[in-house]
């Protein structure tokens, strides 16, 4: 059993950080706090400024304005080698002329670590990432997953307070990526180090993160919360649409006998539920409704007990393995997407192209959004 030395790690605090280049403003007055010891994911579309922010944290780039703190230490202008922060890049950036051991030992040699301690720390790092026995191999003879582990070992061997991961699994195939995600979660738990994971892949972020921040195309944080809350209770249409799949229905809010409804052209009024009414929940206000495809039940038969029922015709079917996706055209012409869990060994009914179907969903399955 590997015993990993734990010590008090430090978190990151960003205050009013901005970064401009000739092409314009990339990060605009960003403030963010990443608590120590967390697995933090920064998720957003390509070009939103995620990698730029990572480079600012690492010291590879300089902010136009604002401050970066490691706990209470201002590191905004501290050189790279003096920050207790390490980075694992998308392409791993391994030294091809070094073997595995020397790749991991490189930073320790630059620090002047005595040879006995250096060897012990390198081997400890290799055991931590399950590469003991590979220390003499050339990195060119390793698989993609093994190269990624070398990059991780090289980053953790100097015991950083923060580990930055810039889309580290982008080059791996799906099965290996899923395996490495689990290994990253285990590694972070063993080390207790603050991990900042940058990706545009929502599945990766949802899998690994304790906390997620969603960046929009303007480089601003749309929502900061746990993965579950971001997925189940998105704060904006951008978040609902970017994290997972959803159906949007735009309509006008009405109150009928203490029941809130949203009227939308061509479909019956949709009954909604909100735990606490926002100040913008005013009758007559135009709102967006977000309904996740897996929250909708599809059937050829009418089922009692649902607050909302729509009718339509199946236009397309996509088999995903675990689930089947349906595109259903409502009488109004609107298309809704539905995901149904597959139960092939206990089938209840078969739904085919052009079938007339009912779509059922409860009030609690609807997220009401202002914008």
Protein backbone atom coordinates (compact mmCIF):
# COMPACT_ATOMS: atom_id res chain seq x y z
CA UNK A 1 0.00 0.00 0.00
CA UNK A 2 1.31 3.41 -0.99
CA UNK A 3 1.40 6.00 1.77
CA UNK A 4 1.39 9.51 0.33
CA UNK A 5 2.77 12.35 2.41
CA UNK A 6 0.03 14.90 3.06
CA UNK A 7 0.59 18.50 4.06
CA UNK A 8 -1.41 21.67 4.21
CA UNK A 9 -2.15 22.65 0.64
CA UNK A 10 -3.09 26.09 -0.56
CA UNK A 11 -5.95 27.27 -2.72
CA UNK A 12 -6.18 29.99 -5.35
CA UNK A 13 -7.90 33.35 -5.19
CA UNK A 14 -8.33 35.47 -8.31
CA UNK A 15 -9.34 39.11 -7.98
CA UNK A 16 -10.53 41.28 -10.89
CA UNK A 17 -8.27 39.52 -13.38
CA UNK A 18 -8.22 40.75 -16.97
CA UNK A 19 -6.13 39.77 -19.98
CA UNK A 20 -6.03 41.66 -23.28
CA UNK A 21 -4.21 40.93 -26.50
CA UNK A 22 -4.13 42.70 -29.84
CA UNK A 23 -7.26 40.83 -30.92
CA UNK A 24 -9.17 42.13 -27.90
CA UNK A 25 -10.22 41.31 -24.34
CA UNK A 26 -9.89 37.59 -23.52
CA UNK A 27 -10.60 37.58 -19.78
CA UNK A 28 -12.69 40.41 -18.39
CA UNK A 29 -12.49 41.36 -14.69
CA UNK A 30 -12.68 37.74 -13.46
CA UNK A 31 -12.90 36.97 -9.74
CA UNK A 32 -12.84 33.38 -8.53
CA UNK A 33 -11.87 31.38 -5.44
CA UNK A 34 -10.68 27.76 -5.61
CA UNK A 35 -10.49 26.24 -2.10
CA UNK A 36 -7.44 24.18 -1.17
CA UNK A 37 -7.67 20.43 -1.66
CA UNK A 38 -10.49 20.60 -4.21
CA UNK A 39 -10.75 18.99 -7.62
CA UNK A 40 -11.91 22.07 -9.52
CA UNK A 41 -13.02 21.97 -13.17
CA UNK A 42 -13.16 24.96 -15.47
CA UNK A 43 -15.51 24.21 -18.35
CA UNK A 44 -16.32 26.29 -21.39
CA UNK A 45 -16.40 26.37 -25.19
CA UNK A 46 -13.23 26.63 -27.27
CA UNK A 47 -11.88 30.17 -27.32
CA UNK A 48 -13.55 31.33 -24.08
CA UNK A 49 -10.24 31.94 -22.29
CA UNK A 50 -9.83 28.74 -20.24
CA UNK A 51 -6.27 28.00 -21.36
CA UNK A 52 -5.33 31.67 -21.08
CA UNK A 53 -6.49 31.62 -17.45
CA UNK A 54 -4.46 28.48 -16.82
CA UNK A 55 -1.36 30.13 -18.31
CA UNK A 56 -1.88 33.13 -16.03
CA UNK A 57 -2.10 30.85 -12.99
CA UNK A 58 1.01 28.96 -14.06
CA UNK A 59 3.00 32.14 -14.71
CA UNK A 60 3.38 31.39 -18.41
CA UNK A 61 1.55 34.62 -19.26
CA UNK A 62 1.09 37.97 -17.54
CA UNK A 63 -2.20 39.59 -16.56
CA UNK A 64 -3.19 42.98 -17.96
CA UNK A 65 -4.72 43.82 -14.58
CA UNK A 66 -5.90 42.11 -11.41
CA UNK A 67 -4.31 39.81 -8.84
CA UNK A 68 -3.65 36.09 -8.30
CA UNK A 69 -3.14 34.75 -4.78
CA UNK A 70 -1.96 31.39 -3.46
CA UNK A 71 -3.87 31.58 -0.20
CA UNK A 72 -2.72 35.02 1.03
CA UNK A 73 0.49 35.16 -1.02
CA UNK A 74 0.31 37.48 -4.03
CA UNK A 75 1.89 35.51 -6.90
CA UNK A 76 0.71 37.73 -9.76
CA UNK A 77 4.27 38.64 -10.76
CA UNK A 78 6.13 35.69 -9.20
CA UNK A 79 8.26 33.77 -11.77
CA UNK A 80 7.18 30.28 -12.84
CA UNK A 81 9.92 28.41 -10.98
CA UNK A 82 9.07 30.15 -7.70
CA UNK A 83 5.35 29.33 -7.78
CA UNK A 84 4.32 26.12 -6.05
CA UNK A 85 2.22 25.32 -9.11
CA UNK A 86 2.80 22.66 -11.77
CA UNK A 87 1.09 22.07 -15.11
CA UNK A 88 0.24 18.95 -17.10
CA UNK A 89 -0.25 19.90 -20.73
CA UNK A 90 -2.45 18.38 -23.41
CA UNK A 91 0.57 17.06 -25.35
CA UNK A 92 2.39 16.00 -22.11
CA UNK A 93 5.63 17.79 -23.27
CA UNK A 94 7.89 14.87 -22.29
CA UNK A 95 11.60 14.84 -23.09
CA UNK A 96 12.01 12.17 -25.80
CA UNK A 97 15.78 11.86 -25.20
CA UNK A 98 15.22 11.03 -21.50
CA UNK A 99 13.92 7.78 -20.06
CA UNK A 100 10.96 7.73 -17.69
CA UNK A 101 13.08 8.18 -14.56
CA UNK A 102 14.97 11.19 -15.90
CA UNK A 103 11.77 12.84 -17.14
CA UNK A 104 10.34 12.68 -13.63
CA UNK A 105 13.66 13.65 -11.99
CA UNK A 106 14.25 16.69 -14.20
CA UNK A 107 12.78 19.38 -11.92
CA UNK A 108 14.43 17.88 -8.83
CA UNK A 109 17.85 18.01 -10.52
CA UNK A 110 17.28 21.68 -11.34
CA UNK A 111 16.43 22.24 -7.66
CA UNK A 112 19.69 20.56 -6.61
CA UNK A 113 18.01 17.77 -4.64
CA UNK A 114 20.55 15.27 -3.25
CA UNK A 115 20.71 12.04 -5.28
CA UNK A 116 19.45 9.67 -2.58
CA UNK A 117 16.39 11.83 -1.86
CA UNK A 118 15.89 12.43 -5.59
CA UNK A 119 15.72 8.71 -6.32
CA UNK A 120 13.34 8.07 -3.43
CA UNK A 121 10.99 10.87 -4.51
CA UNK A 122 11.03 9.83 -8.17
CA UNK A 123 10.25 6.21 -7.34
CA UNK A 124 7.53 7.28 -4.93
CA UNK A 125 5.94 9.41 -7.68
CA UNK A 126 6.15 6.51 -10.16
CA UNK A 127 4.54 4.13 -7.68
CA UNK A 128 1.79 6.67 -7.06
CA UNK A 129 0.88 6.73 -10.77
CA UNK A 130 1.41 2.94 -11.13
CA UNK A 131 4.56 3.13 -13.27
CA UNK A 132 7.02 1.35 -10.98
CA UNK A 133 9.11 -0.97 -13.15
CA UNK A 134 8.95 1.38 -16.16
CA UNK A 135 11.59 3.85 -14.97
CA UNK A 136 14.25 2.69 -17.47
CA UNK A 137 11.99 2.80 -20.53
CA UNK A 138 12.05 5.39 -23.26
CA UNK A 139 8.92 7.57 -23.21
CA UNK A 140 8.58 6.92 -26.95
CA UNK A 141 7.88 3.25 -26.21
CA UNK A 142 4.99 3.98 -23.84
CA UNK A 143 1.26 4.00 -24.57
CA UNK A 144 -0.71 7.24 -24.46
CA UNK A 145 -2.02 6.43 -21.00
CA UNK A 146 1.47 5.65 -19.71
CA UNK A 147 2.86 8.89 -21.15
CA UNK A 148 0.11 10.78 -19.39
CA UNK A 149 1.09 9.11 -16.11
CA UNK A 150 4.73 10.13 -16.64
CA UNK A 151 3.59 13.72 -17.10
CA UNK A 152 1.58 13.46 -13.88
CA UNK A 153 4.51 11.94 -11.97
CA UNK A 154 6.82 14.70 -13.22
CA UNK A 155 4.32 17.31 -12.00
CA UNK A 156 3.70 15.85 -8.53
CA UNK A 157 7.28 14.88 -7.69
CA UNK A 158 8.08 18.45 -6.60
CA UNK A 159 5.02 18.43 -4.28
CA UNK A 160 3.16 21.45 -5.70
CA UNK A 161 0.35 23.21 -3.85
CA UNK A 162 -1.68 23.34 -7.07
CA UNK A 163 -1.71 21.07 -10.12
CA UNK A 164 -3.06 22.56 -13.35
CA UNK A 165 -4.34 20.14 -16.00
CA UNK A 166 -4.90 21.59 -19.47
CA UNK A 167 -7.18 19.13 -21.36
CA UNK A 168 -4.79 16.31 -20.36
CA UNK A 169 -6.92 13.50 -21.84
CA UNK A 170 -7.72 15.06 -25.21
CA UNK A 171 -5.36 12.74 -27.11
CA UNK A 172 -6.71 9.50 -25.59
CA UNK A 173 -9.40 7.19 -26.95
CA UNK A 174 -12.73 7.00 -25.12
CA UNK A 175 -12.08 3.82 -23.10
CA UNK A 176 -8.64 4.93 -21.96
CA UNK A 177 -10.00 8.39 -21.18
CA UNK A 178 -12.65 6.89 -18.89
CA UNK A 179 -9.97 4.83 -17.12
CA UNK A 180 -7.67 7.83 -16.67
CA UNK A 181 -10.51 9.97 -15.27
CA UNK A 182 -10.96 7.45 -12.46
CA UNK A 183 -7.20 7.40 -11.86
CA UNK A 184 -7.09 11.20 -11.66
CA UNK A 185 -9.85 11.21 -9.05
CA UNK A 186 -7.95 8.61 -7.00
CA UNK A 187 -4.67 10.51 -7.37
CA UNK A 188 -6.17 13.79 -6.20
CA UNK A 189 -7.73 12.06 -3.19
CA UNK A 190 -4.37 10.48 -2.25
CA UNK A 191 -2.36 13.67 -2.62
CA UNK A 192 -4.85 16.19 -1.25
CA UNK A 193 -3.44 18.65 -3.79
CA UNK A 194 -5.63 21.34 -5.33
CA UNK A 195 -6.35 20.23 -8.91
CA UNK A 196 -7.54 22.75 -11.53
CA UNK A 197 -8.81 20.85 -14.55
CA UNK A 198 -9.50 22.78 -17.74
CA UNK A 199 -11.64 21.20 -20.45
CA UNK A 200 -14.36 21.81 -23.04
CA UNK A 201 -15.62 18.24 -22.49
CA UNK A 202 -18.64 18.35 -20.18
CA UNK A 203 -18.53 14.60 -19.43
CA UNK A 204 -14.95 14.90 -18.13
CA UNK A 205 -15.79 17.87 -15.93
CA UNK A 206 -18.93 16.25 -14.50
CA UNK A 207 -16.97 13.08 -13.73
CA UNK A 208 -13.98 14.53 -11.87
CA UNK A 209 -15.02 17.79 -10.26
CA UNK A 210 -15.96 18.67 -6.70
CA UNK A 211 -16.80 22.14 -8.00
CA UNK A 212 -17.23 23.46 -11.54
CA UNK A 213 -17.11 26.92 -13.07
CA UNK A 214 -18.82 27.42 -16.43
CA UNK A 215 -17.27 30.10 -18.66
CA UNK A 216 -19.22 31.67 -21.50
CA UNK A 217 -17.88 32.81 -24.87
CA UNK A 218 -17.08 36.24 -23.39
CA UNK A 219 -14.76 34.75 -20.75
CA UNK A 220 -17.12 35.38 -17.84
CA UNK A 221 -18.26 32.85 -15.21
CA UNK A 222 -21.91 31.94 -15.81
CA UNK A 223 -22.25 29.56 -12.84
CA UNK A 224 -20.08 28.19 -10.05
CA UNK A 225 -21.42 25.14 -8.21
CA UNK A 226 -21.24 21.38 -7.77
CA UNK A 227 -21.58 19.27 -10.96
CA UNK A 228 -24.96 17.95 -9.81
CA UNK A 229 -26.40 21.41 -9.16
CA UNK A 230 -25.06 22.78 -12.43
CA UNK A 231 -26.63 19.92 -14.37
CA UNK A 232 -29.92 19.72 -12.47
CA UNK A 233 -30.35 23.43 -11.73
CA UNK A 234 -28.59 25.50 -14.42
CA UNK A 235 -28.68 29.22 -13.71
CA UNK A 236 -28.87 30.41 -17.33
CA UNK A 237 -29.84 29.17 -20.78
CA UNK A 238 -26.16 29.09 -21.72
CA UNK A 239 -25.34 26.67 -18.89
CA UNK A 240 -28.41 24.50 -19.55
CA UNK A 241 -27.50 24.21 -23.23
CA UNK A 242 -23.74 23.79 -22.78
CA UNK A 243 -23.77 21.19 -19.99
CA UNK A 244 -25.72 18.22 -21.33
CA UNK A 245 -28.64 18.29 -23.75
CA UNK A 246 -31.88 20.11 -23.14
CA UNK A 247 -35.12 21.22 -24.75
CA UNK A 248 -36.00 24.90 -24.63
CA UNK A 249 -39.55 26.21 -24.73
CA UNK A 250 -40.12 29.96 -24.68
CA UNK A 251 -43.44 31.25 -23.43
CA UNK A 252 -45.35 33.70 -21.23
CA UNK A 253 -45.89 33.21 -17.50
CA UNK A 254 -49.48 33.00 -16.26
CA UNK A 255 -51.01 32.27 -12.85
CA UNK A 256 -54.15 30.14 -12.82
CA UNK A 257 -55.71 29.45 -9.39
CA UNK A 258 -52.34 29.43 -7.60
CA UNK A 259 -50.83 27.25 -10.34
CA UNK A 260 -48.02 28.74 -12.40
CA UNK A 261 -48.22 28.01 -16.10
CA UNK A 262 -46.26 29.02 -19.15
CA UNK A 263 -48.20 29.52 -22.36
CA UNK A 264 -46.34 28.82 -25.60
CA UNK A 265 -47.76 28.95 -29.08
CA UNK A 266 -49.18 25.70 -30.42
CA UNK A 267 -48.96 23.58 -27.25
CA UNK A 268 -51.07 23.26 -24.09
CA UNK A 269 -50.06 25.49 -21.14
CA UNK A 270 -47.15 23.93 -19.25
CA UNK A 271 -47.52 23.73 -15.49
CA UNK A 272 -44.31 24.66 -13.67
CA UNK A 273 -42.96 24.50 -10.13
CA UNK A 274 -40.52 26.91 -8.50
CA UNK A 275 -39.38 26.48 -4.90
CA UNK A 276 -38.91 30.23 -4.39
CA UNK A 277 -40.29 32.76 -6.82
CA UNK A 278 -37.66 35.13 -8.22
CA UNK A 279 -38.32 38.83 -8.59
CA UNK A 280 -38.61 38.28 -12.33
CA UNK A 281 -41.39 35.67 -11.91
CA UNK A 282 -44.10 38.15 -12.86
CA UNK A 283 -47.24 37.20 -14.82
CA UNK A 284 -46.84 38.36 -18.39
CA UNK A 285 -43.05 37.91 -18.36
CA UNK A 286 -41.50 35.97 -21.22
CA UNK A 287 -39.46 33.03 -19.88
CA UNK A 288 -37.42 30.06 -21.04
CA UNK A 289 -38.24 26.53 -19.90
CA UNK A 290 -35.47 23.92 -19.93
CA UNK A 291 -36.44 20.22 -19.91
CA UNK A 292 -33.71 17.57 -20.05
CA UNK A 293 -34.46 14.79 -22.61
CA UNK A 294 -34.09 12.06 -19.97
CA UNK A 295 -36.70 13.77 -17.76
CA UNK A 296 -39.39 13.14 -20.38
CA UNK A 297 -41.25 9.83 -20.49
CA UNK A 298 -42.33 8.64 -23.92
CA UNK A 299 -45.13 6.16 -24.58
CA UNK A 300 -47.68 5.24 -27.22
CA UNK A 301 -50.26 4.95 -24.45
CA UNK A 302 -51.70 7.69 -22.27
CA UNK A 303 -50.50 7.50 -18.65
CA UNK A 304 -52.28 9.14 -15.73
CA UNK A 305 -50.53 11.12 -13.02
CA UNK A 306 -48.30 13.54 -14.96
CA UNK A 307 -48.73 17.30 -14.69
CA UNK A 308 -47.80 17.88 -18.33
CA UNK A 309 -48.66 15.88 -21.44
CA UNK A 310 -47.75 16.69 -25.04
CA UNK A 311 -48.46 14.71 -28.20
CA UNK A 312 -46.40 14.22 -31.32
CA UNK A 313 -44.98 11.93 -33.98
CA UNK A 314 -41.59 10.15 -33.89
CA UNK A 315 -39.35 11.63 -36.58
CA UNK A 316 -36.04 9.88 -35.85
CA UNK A 317 -34.54 7.26 -33.53
CA UNK A 318 -30.91 6.96 -32.44
CA UNK A 319 -29.67 3.94 -30.49
CA UNK A 320 -26.92 4.87 -27.98
CA UNK A 321 -26.59 1.52 -26.16
CA UNK A 322 -27.61 2.55 -22.66
CA UNK A 323 -30.41 4.71 -24.01
CA UNK A 324 -32.36 5.49 -27.16
CA UNK A 325 -32.86 9.01 -28.41
CA UNK A 326 -36.10 10.13 -30.08
CA UNK A 327 -36.85 13.30 -32.03
CA UNK A 328 -40.56 13.95 -31.64
CA UNK A 329 -42.41 16.52 -33.73
CA UNK A 330 -45.28 18.11 -31.83
CA UNK A 331 -48.50 19.18 -33.55
CA UNK A 332 -47.21 22.75 -33.45
CA UNK A 333 -44.17 21.69 -35.50
CA UNK A 334 -41.80 22.08 -32.55
CA UNK A 335 -39.19 19.29 -32.12
CA UNK A 336 -38.47 17.82 -28.67
CA UNK A 337 -35.64 15.40 -27.89
CA UNK A 338 -36.26 12.46 -25.56
CA UNK A 339 -33.81 9.91 -24.07
CA UNK A 340 -35.29 6.63 -22.87
CA UNK A 341 -33.30 4.12 -20.81
CA UNK A 342 -33.01 0.83 -22.66
CA UNK A 343 -34.57 -2.23 -21.03
CA UNK A 344 -34.29 -4.73 -23.89
CA UNK A 345 -34.50 -7.73 -21.58
CA UNK A 346 -37.74 -6.41 -20.07
CA UNK A 347 -39.31 -4.46 -22.95
CA UNK A 348 -42.58 -2.69 -22.20
CA UNK A 349 -43.34 -1.41 -25.69
CA UNK A 350 -41.67 -0.84 -29.04
CA UNK A 351 -41.68 2.69 -30.44
CA UNK A 352 -40.98 3.10 -34.14
CA UNK A 353 -40.73 5.82 -36.78
CA UNK A 354 -43.95 7.79 -37.41
CA UNK A 355 -45.61 6.42 -34.26
CA UNK A 356 -48.02 8.74 -32.47
CA UNK A 357 -46.62 9.19 -28.94
CA UNK A 358 -47.34 11.00 -25.70
CA UNK A 359 -44.61 12.90 -23.85
CA UNK A 360 -45.00 13.17 -20.08
CA UNK A 361 -43.08 15.27 -17.56
CA UNK A 362 -43.68 16.59 -14.06
CA UNK A 363 -43.57 20.22 -12.94
CA UNK A 364 -40.42 19.49 -10.90
CA UNK A 365 -38.57 18.40 -14.07
CA UNK A 366 -38.77 21.87 -15.58
CA UNK A 367 -36.15 24.56 -14.97
CA UNK A 368 -37.46 28.10 -15.39
CA UNK A 369 -34.88 30.57 -16.72
CA UNK A 370 -34.99 34.29 -17.33
CA UNK A 371 -32.15 34.36 -19.87
